[in-house]
PDB file of all heavy atoms in Angstrom:
ATOM      1  N   ASP A   1     113.063  59.003 100.832  1.00  0.00           N
ATOM      2  CA  ASP A   1     114.505  59.169 101.039  1.00  0.00           C
ATOM      3  C   ASP A   1     115.333  58.719  99.836  1.00  0.00           C
ATOM      4  O   ASP A   1     116.508  59.035  99.747  1.00  0.00           O
ATOM      5  CB  ASP A   1     114.959  58.370 102.262  1.00  0.00           C
ATOM      6  CG  ASP A   1     114.379  58.931 103.543  1.00  0.00           C
ATOM      7  OD1 ASP A   1     113.955  60.094 103.549  1.00  0.00           O
ATOM      8  OD2 ASP A   1     114.345  58.186 104.537  1.00  0.00           O
ATOM      9  N   GLY A   2     114.703  57.935  98.959  1.00  0.00           N
ATOM     10  CA  GLY A   2     115.421  57.425  97.792  1.00  0.00           C
ATOM     11  C   GLY A   2     114.513  57.413  96.574  1.00  0.00           C
ATOM     12  O   GLY A   2     113.410  57.955  96.591  1.00  0.00           O
ATOM     13  N   ALA A   3     115.002  56.769  95.514  1.00  0.00           N
ATOM     14  CA  ALA A   3     114.234  56.683  94.264  1.00  0.00           C
ATOM     15  C   ALA A   3     113.005  55.796  94.459  1.00  0.00           C
ATOM     16  O   ALA A   3     113.050  54.811  95.195  1.00  0.00           O
ATOM     17  CB  ALA A   3     115.111  56.135  93.161  1.00  0.00           C
ATOM     18  N   LEU A   4     111.930  56.162  93.798  1.00  0.00           N
ATOM     19  CA  LEU A   4     110.696  55.381  93.828  1.00  0.00           C
ATOM     20  C   LEU A   4     110.431  54.782  92.452  1.00  0.00           C
ATOM     21  O   LEU A   4     110.753  55.411  91.443  1.00  0.00           O
ATOM     22  CB  LEU A   4     109.511  56.258  94.244  1.00  0.00           C
ATOM     23  CG  LEU A   4     109.541  56.825  95.656  1.00  0.00           C
ATOM     24  CD1 LEU A   4     108.399  57.813  95.856  1.00  0.00           C
ATOM     25  CD2 LEU A   4     109.444  55.696  96.665  1.00  0.00           C
ATOM     26  N   PRO A   5     109.820  53.593  92.390  1.00  0.00           N
ATOM     27  CA  PRO A   5     109.574  52.969  91.090  1.00  0.00           C
ATOM     28  C   PRO A   5     108.439  53.605  90.299  1.00  0.00           C
ATOM     29  O   PRO A   5     108.290  53.349  89.113  1.00  0.00           O
ATOM     30  CB  PRO A   5     109.236  51.520  91.442  1.00  0.00           C
ATOM     31  CG  PRO A   5     108.698  51.590  92.834  1.00  0.00           C
ATOM     32  CD  PRO A   5     109.429  52.716  93.497  1.00  0.00           C
ATOM     33  N   ILE A   6     107.608  54.426  90.947  1.00  0.00           N
ATOM     34  CA  ILE A   6     106.498  55.082  90.257  1.00  0.00           C
ATOM     35  C   ILE A   6     106.400  56.538  90.713  1.00  0.00           C
ATOM     36  O   ILE A   6     106.819  56.888  91.807  1.00  0.00           O
ATOM     37  CB  ILE A   6     105.151  54.374  90.529  1.00  0.00           C
ATOM     38  CG1 ILE A   6     104.842  54.340  92.035  1.00  0.00           C
ATOM     39  CG2 ILE A   6     105.133  52.966  89.959  1.00  0.00           C
ATOM     40  CD1 ILE A   6     103.473  53.806  92.393  1.00  0.00           C
ATOM     41  N   ALA A   7     105.853  57.386  89.852  1.00  0.00           N
ATOM     42  CA  ALA A   7     105.662  58.795  90.192  1.00  0.00           C
ATOM     43  C   ALA A   7     104.226  59.059  90.642  1.00  0.00           C
ATOM     44  O   ALA A   7     103.957  60.027  91.345  1.00  0.00           O
ATOM     45  CB  ALA A   7     105.986  59.672  88.991  1.00  0.00           C
ATOM     46  N   SER A   8     103.308  58.191  90.221  1.00  0.00           N
ATOM     47  CA  SER A   8     101.917  58.330  90.618  1.00  0.00           C
ATOM     48  C   SER A   8     101.217  56.988  90.444  1.00  0.00           C
ATOM     49  O   SER A   8     101.767  56.073  89.822  1.00  0.00           O
ATOM     50  CB  SER A   8     101.202  59.395  89.779  1.00  0.00           C
ATOM     51  OG  SER A   8     101.134  58.989  88.442  1.00  0.00           O
ATOM     52  N   MET A   9     100.027  56.887  90.999  1.00  0.00           N
ATOM     53  CA  MET A   9      99.253  55.662  90.803  1.00  0.00           C
ATOM     54  C   MET A   9      97.769  55.971  90.942  1.00  0.00           C
ATOM     55  O   MET A   9      97.366  56.956  91.562  1.00  0.00           O
ATOM     56  CB  MET A   9      99.656  54.568  91.777  1.00  0.00           C
ATOM     57  CG  MET A   9      99.378  54.849  93.232  1.00  0.00           C
ATOM     58  SD  MET A   9      99.798  53.474  94.305  1.00  0.00           S
ATOM     59  CE  MET A   9      98.293  52.539  94.266  1.00  0.00           C
ATOM     60  N   PHE A  10      96.973  55.117  90.327  1.00  0.00           N
ATOM     61  CA  PHE A  10      95.522  55.219  90.359  1.00  0.00           C
ATOM     62  C   PHE A  10      94.968  53.852  90.705  1.00  0.00           C
ATOM     63  O   PHE A  10      95.424  52.842  90.173  1.00  0.00           O
ATOM     64  CB  PHE A  10      95.001  55.679  88.986  1.00  0.00           C
ATOM     65  CG  PHE A  10      93.514  55.543  88.833  1.00  0.00           C
ATOM     66  CD1 PHE A  10      92.658  56.440  89.443  1.00  0.00           C
ATOM     67  CD2 PHE A  10      92.979  54.513  88.077  1.00  0.00           C
ATOM     68  CE1 PHE A  10      91.280  56.319  89.297  1.00  0.00           C
ATOM     69  CE2 PHE A  10      91.606  54.384  87.929  1.00  0.00           C
ATOM     70  CZ  PHE A  10      90.760  55.289  88.540  1.00  0.00           C
ATOM     71  N   ASP A  11      94.017  53.802  91.615  1.00  0.00           N
ATOM     72  CA  ASP A  11      93.313  52.556  91.868  1.00  0.00           C
ATOM     73  C   ASP A  11      91.836  52.851  92.084  1.00  0.00           C
ATOM     74  O   ASP A  11      91.434  53.997  92.261  1.00  0.00           O
ATOM     75  CB  ASP A  11      93.916  51.748  93.019  1.00  0.00           C
ATOM     76  CG  ASP A  11      93.956  52.475  94.342  1.00  0.00           C
ATOM     77  OD1 ASP A  11      93.335  53.539  94.478  1.00  0.00           O
ATOM     78  OD2 ASP A  11      94.614  51.974  95.259  1.00  0.00           O
ATOM     79  N   TRP A  12      91.033  51.809  92.009  1.00  0.00           N
ATOM     80  CA  TRP A  12      89.597  51.954  92.190  1.00  0.00           C
ATOM     81  C   TRP A  12      89.053  50.677  92.819  1.00  0.00           C
ATOM     82  O   TRP A  12      89.715  49.641  92.818  1.00  0.00           O
ATOM     83  CB  TRP A  12      88.886  52.262  90.871  1.00  0.00           C
ATOM     84  CG  TRP A  12      89.030  51.181  89.833  1.00  0.00           C
ATOM     85  CD1 TRP A  12      90.029  51.058  88.910  1.00  0.00           C
ATOM     86  CD2 TRP A  12      88.157  50.073  89.628  1.00  0.00           C
ATOM     87  NE1 TRP A  12      89.837  49.937  88.151  1.00  0.00           N
ATOM     88  CE2 TRP A  12      88.689  49.308  88.563  1.00  0.00           C
ATOM     89  CE3 TRP A  12      86.987  49.642  90.229  1.00  0.00           C
ATOM     90  CZ2 TRP A  12      88.083  48.156  88.096  1.00  0.00           C
ATOM     91  CZ3 TRP A  12      86.382  48.482  89.765  1.00  0.00           C
ATOM     92  CH2 TRP A  12      86.928  47.759  88.703  1.00  0.00           C
ATOM     93  N   GLY A  13      87.858  50.777  93.361  1.00  0.00           N
ATOM     94  CA  GLY A  13      87.259  49.602  93.960  1.00  0.00           C
ATOM     95  C   GLY A  13      85.817  49.837  94.338  1.00  0.00           C
ATOM     96  O   GLY A  13      85.272  50.930  94.178  1.00  0.00           O
ATOM     97  N   PHE A  14      85.194  48.760  94.831  1.00  0.00           N
ATOM     98  CA  PHE A  14      83.815  48.853  95.282  1.00  0.00           C
ATOM     99  C   PHE A  14      83.549  47.772  96.322  1.00  0.00           C
ATOM    100  O   PHE A  14      84.303  46.804  96.446  1.00  0.00           O
ATOM    101  CB  PHE A  14      82.825  48.705  94.117  1.00  0.00           C
ATOM    102  CG  PHE A  14      82.708  47.288  93.610  1.00  0.00           C
ATOM    103  CD1 PHE A  14      81.763  46.420  94.154  1.00  0.00           C
ATOM    104  CD2 PHE A  14      83.536  46.829  92.607  1.00  0.00           C
ATOM    105  CE1 PHE A  14      81.661  45.114  93.706  1.00  0.00           C
ATOM    106  CE2 PHE A  14      83.442  45.532  92.153  1.00  0.00           C
ATOM    107  CZ  PHE A  14      82.498  44.671  92.705  1.00  0.00           C
ATOM    108  N   ASP A  15      82.499  47.964  97.064  1.00  0.00           N
ATOM    109  CA  ASP A  15      81.974  46.893  97.903  1.00  0.00           C
ATOM    110  C   ASP A  15      80.463  46.984  97.873  1.00  0.00           C
ATOM    111  O   ASP A  15      79.891  48.049  97.626  1.00  0.00           O
ATOM    112  CB  ASP A  15      82.517  46.942  99.336  1.00  0.00           C
ATOM    113  CG  ASP A  15      82.015  48.111 100.133  1.00  0.00           C
ATOM    114  OD1 ASP A  15      80.855  48.063 100.592  1.00  0.00           O
ATOM    115  OD2 ASP A  15      82.768  49.077 100.307  1.00  0.00           O
ATOM    116  N   ALA A  16      79.817  45.851  98.102  1.00  0.00           N
ATOM    117  CA  ALA A  16      78.360  45.791  98.098  1.00  0.00           C
ATOM    118  C   ALA A  16      77.912  44.707  99.067  1.00  0.00           C
ATOM    119  O   ALA A  16      78.609  43.714  99.276  1.00  0.00           O
ATOM    120  CB  ALA A  16      77.844  45.493  96.693  1.00  0.00           C
ATOM    121  N   SER A  17      76.752  44.918  99.660  1.00  0.00           N
ATOM    122  CA  SER A  17      76.176  43.908 100.539  1.00  0.00           C
ATOM    123  C   SER A  17      74.656  43.926 100.400  1.00  0.00           C
ATOM    124  O   SER A  17      74.047  44.950 100.112  1.00  0.00           O
ATOM    125  CB  SER A  17      76.565  44.146 101.995  1.00  0.00           C
ATOM    126  OG  SER A  17      76.052  45.362 102.464  1.00  0.00           O
ATOM    127  N   LEU A  18      74.080  42.750 100.598  1.00  0.00           N
ATOM    128  CA  LEU A  18      72.639  42.573 100.515  1.00  0.00           C
ATOM    129  C   LEU A  18      72.215  41.667 101.659  1.00  0.00           C
ATOM    130  O   LEU A  18      72.787  40.575 101.829  1.00  0.00           O
ATOM    131  CB  LEU A  18      72.254  41.948  99.176  1.00  0.00           C
ATOM    132  CG  LEU A  18      70.789  41.569  98.981  1.00  0.00           C
ATOM    133  CD1 LEU A  18      69.922  42.815  98.922  1.00  0.00           C
ATOM    134  CD2 LEU A  18      70.638  40.748  97.707  1.00  0.00           C
ATOM    135  N   GLY A  19      71.278  42.115 102.475  1.00  0.00           N
ATOM    136  CA  GLY A  19      70.790  41.310 103.592  1.00  0.00           C
ATOM    137  C   GLY A  19      69.283  41.434 103.722  1.00  0.00           C
ATOM    138  O   GLY A  19      68.688  42.441 103.328  1.00  0.00           O
ATOM    139  N   TYR A  20      68.678  40.387 104.274  1.00  0.00           N
ATOM    140  CA  TYR A  20      67.232  40.387 104.431  1.00  0.00           C
ATOM    141  C   TYR A  20      66.861  39.568 105.661  1.00  0.00           C
ATOM    142  O   TYR A  20      67.324  38.443 105.820  1.00  0.00           O
ATOM    143  CB  TYR A  20      66.567  39.789 103.185  1.00  0.00           C
ATOM    144  CG  TYR A  20      65.070  39.754 103.259  1.00  0.00           C
ATOM    145  CD1 TYR A  20      64.326  40.926 103.127  1.00  0.00           C
ATOM    146  CD2 TYR A  20      64.392  38.567 103.458  1.00  0.00           C
ATOM    147  CE1 TYR A  20      62.951  40.909 103.196  1.00  0.00           C
ATOM    148  CE2 TYR A  20      63.004  38.539 103.527  1.00  0.00           C
ATOM    149  CZ  TYR A  20      62.293  39.709 103.395  1.00  0.00           C
ATOM    150  OH  TYR A  20      60.930  39.692 103.465  1.00  0.00           O
ATOM    151  N   PHE A  21      66.051  40.140 106.537  1.00  0.00           N
ATOM    152  CA  PHE A  21      65.567  39.404 107.702  1.00  0.00           C
ATOM    153  C   PHE A  21      64.421  38.498 107.251  1.00  0.00           C
ATOM    154  O   PHE A  21      63.319  38.976 106.986  1.00  0.00           O
ATOM    155  CB  PHE A  21      65.113  40.355 108.807  1.00  0.00           C
ATOM    156  CG  PHE A  21      66.233  40.843 109.664  1.00  0.00           C
ATOM    157  CD1 PHE A  21      66.863  42.040 109.388  1.00  0.00           C
ATOM    158  CD2 PHE A  21      66.672  40.079 110.741  1.00  0.00           C
ATOM    159  CE1 PHE A  21      67.909  42.485 110.167  1.00  0.00           C
ATOM    160  CE2 PHE A  21      67.723  40.518 111.527  1.00  0.00           C
ATOM    161  CZ  PHE A  21      68.341  41.718 111.241  1.00  0.00           C
ATOM    162  N   VAL A  22      64.687  37.204 107.145  1.00  0.00           N
ATOM    163  CA  VAL A  22      63.644  36.261 106.728  1.00  0.00           C
ATOM    164  C   VAL A  22      62.633  36.042 107.847  1.00  0.00           C
ATOM    165  O   VAL A  22      61.472  35.761 107.591  1.00  0.00           O
ATOM    166  CB  VAL A  22      64.235  34.918 106.259  1.00  0.00           C
ATOM    167  CG1 VAL A  22      65.028  35.094 104.984  1.00  0.00           C
ATOM    168  CG2 VAL A  22      65.095  34.280 107.334  1.00  0.00           C
ATOM    169  N   VAL A  23      63.082  36.135 109.078  1.00  0.00           N
ATOM    170  CA  VAL A  23      62.235  36.214 110.270  1.00  0.00           C
ATOM    171  C   VAL A  23      62.867  37.286 111.146  1.00  0.00           C
ATOM    172  O   VAL A  23      63.984  37.718 110.895  1.00  0.00           O
ATOM    173  CB  VAL A  23      62.120  34.862 111.037  1.00  0.00           C
ATOM    174  CG1 VAL A  23      61.368  33.832 110.208  1.00  0.00           C
ATOM    175  CG2 VAL A  23      63.457  34.340 111.456  1.00  0.00           C
ATOM    176  N   ARG A  24      62.189  37.680 112.193  1.00  0.00           N
ATOM    177  CA  ARG A  24      62.639  38.822 113.008  1.00  0.00           C
ATOM    178  C   ARG A  24      64.070  38.688 113.519  1.00  0.00           C
ATOM    179  O   ARG A  24      64.776  39.674 113.689  1.00  0.00           O
ATOM    180  CB  ARG A  24      61.679  39.002 114.172  1.00  0.00           C
ATOM    181  CG  ARG A  24      61.975  40.192 115.024  1.00  0.00           C
ATOM    182  CD  ARG A  24      60.858  40.419 116.029  1.00  0.00           C
ATOM    183  NE  ARG A  24      61.206  41.429 116.987  1.00  0.00           N
ATOM    184  CZ  ARG A  24      61.007  42.730 116.813  1.00  0.00           C
ATOM    185  NH1 ARG A  24      60.453  43.160 115.703  1.00  0.00           N
ATOM    186  NH2 ARG A  24      61.355  43.593 117.737  1.00  0.00           N
ATOM    187  N   CYS A  25      64.567  37.466 113.753  1.00  0.00           N
ATOM    188  CA  CYS A  25      65.883  37.305 114.383  1.00  0.00           C
ATOM    189  C   CYS A  25      66.927  36.626 113.493  1.00  0.00           C
ATOM    190  O   CYS A  25      68.005  36.296 113.960  1.00  0.00           O
ATOM    191  CB  CYS A  25      65.738  36.537 115.693  1.00  0.00           C
ATOM    192  SG  CYS A  25      65.106  34.875 115.472  1.00  0.00           S
ATOM    193  N   LEU A  26      66.641  36.413 112.209  1.00  0.00           N
ATOM    194  CA  LEU A  26      67.577  35.718 111.323  1.00  0.00           C
ATOM    195  C   LEU A  26      67.767  36.490 110.018  1.00  0.00           C
ATOM    196  O   LEU A  26      66.802  36.742 109.295  1.00  0.00           O
ATOM    197  CB  LEU A  26      67.076  34.306 111.010  1.00  0.00           C
ATOM    198  CG  LEU A  26      67.969  33.465 110.106  1.00  0.00           C
ATOM    199  CD1 LEU A  26      69.321  33.191 110.774  1.00  0.00           C
ATOM    200  CD2 LEU A  26      67.277  32.159 109.752  1.00  0.00           C
ATOM    201  N   GLN A  27      69.035  36.859 109.751  1.00  0.00           N
ATOM    202  CA  GLN A  27      69.349  37.636 108.553  1.00  0.00           C
ATOM    203  C   GLN A  27      70.424  36.930 107.726  1.00  0.00           C
ATOM    204  O   GLN A  27      71.605  36.960 108.081  1.00  0.00           O
ATOM    205  CB  GLN A  27      69.859  39.027 108.921  1.00  0.00           C
ATOM    206  CG  GLN A  27      70.266  39.843 107.716  1.00  0.00           C
ATOM    207  CD  GLN A  27      71.021  41.101 108.072  1.00  0.00           C
ATOM    208  OE1 GLN A  27      71.709  41.158 109.081  1.00  0.00           O
ATOM    209  NE2 GLN A  27      70.899  42.110 107.240  1.00  0.00           N
ATOM    210  N   PRO A  28      70.073  36.297 106.607  1.00  0.00           N
ATOM    211  CA  PRO A  28      71.100  35.838 105.677  1.00  0.00           C
ATOM    212  C   PRO A  28      71.599  37.038 104.856  1.00  0.00           C
ATOM    213  O   PRO A  28      70.879  38.029 104.681  1.00  0.00           O
ATOM    214  CB  PRO A  28      70.373  34.824 104.793  1.00  0.00           C
ATOM    215  CG  PRO A  28      68.939  35.139 104.928  1.00  0.00           C
ATOM    216  CD  PRO A  28      68.745  35.866 106.234  1.00  0.00           C
ATOM    217  N   TYR A  29      72.841  36.951 104.373  1.00  0.00           N
ATOM    218  CA  TYR A  29      73.380  38.067 103.603  1.00  0.00           C
ATOM    219  C   TYR A  29      74.407  37.580 102.580  1.00  0.00           C
ATOM    220  O   TYR A  29      74.963  36.490 102.690  1.00  0.00           O
ATOM    221  CB  TYR A  29      74.006  39.131 104.506  1.00  0.00           C
ATOM    222  CG  TYR A  29      75.166  38.629 105.337  1.00  0.00           C
ATOM    223  CD1 TYR A  29      76.456  38.587 104.820  1.00  0.00           C
ATOM    224  CD2 TYR A  29      74.977  38.184 106.642  1.00  0.00           C
ATOM    225  CE1 TYR A  29      77.512  38.123 105.575  1.00  0.00           C
ATOM    226  CE2 TYR A  29      76.022  37.728 107.403  1.00  0.00           C
ATOM    227  CZ  TYR A  29      77.287  37.699 106.866  1.00  0.00           C
ATOM    228  OH  TYR A  29      78.334  37.228 107.615  1.00  0.00           O
ATOM    229  N   LEU A  30      74.649  38.426 101.620  1.00  0.00           N
ATOM    230  CA  LEU A  30      75.699  38.268 100.614  1.00  0.00           C
ATOM    231  C   LEU A  30      76.503  39.554 100.618  1.00  0.00           C
ATOM    232  O   LEU A  30      75.947  40.643 100.799  1.00  0.00           O
ATOM    233  CB  LEU A  30      75.111  38.054  99.217  1.00  0.00           C
ATOM    234  CG  LEU A  30      74.224  36.834  99.018  1.00  0.00           C
ATOM    235  CD1 LEU A  30      73.540  36.921  97.661  1.00  0.00           C
ATOM    236  CD2 LEU A  30      75.053  35.565  99.124  1.00  0.00           C
ATOM    237  N   ARG A  31      77.797  39.453 100.405  1.00  0.00           N
ATOM    238  CA  ARG A  31      78.619  40.659 100.288  1.00  0.00           C
ATOM    239  C   ARG A  31      79.807  40.371  99.386  1.00  0.00           C
ATOM    240  O   ARG A  31      80.197  39.224  99.194  1.00  0.00           O
ATOM    241  CB  ARG A  31      79.076  41.170 101.644  1.00  0.00           C
ATOM    242  CG  ARG A  31      79.983  40.251 102.394  1.00  0.00           C
ATOM    243  CD  ARG A  31      80.349  40.843 103.763  1.00  0.00           C
ATOM    244  NE  ARG A  31      81.150  39.920 104.516  1.00  0.00           N
ATOM    245  CZ  ARG A  31      82.451  39.748 104.376  1.00  0.00           C
ATOM    246  NH1 ARG A  31      83.107  40.467 103.479  1.00  0.00           N
ATOM    247  NH2 ARG A  31      83.104  38.878 105.108  1.00  0.00           N
ATOM    248  N   GLY A  32      80.389  41.426  98.843  1.00  0.00           N
ATOM    249  CA  GLY A  32      81.559  41.272  98.003  1.00  0.00           C
ATOM    250  C   GLY A  32      82.288  42.592  97.858  1.00  0.00           C
ATOM    251  O   GLY A  32      81.729  43.658  98.130  1.00  0.00           O
TER     252      GLY A  32
END
């Protein structure tokens, strides 16, 4: 409806996770 401070924009990103069942019922993990 009014003026905007930008005409376009670009962004990027990622996510990752790592998990391992050390025994059948226990899973430690890392993520970011």
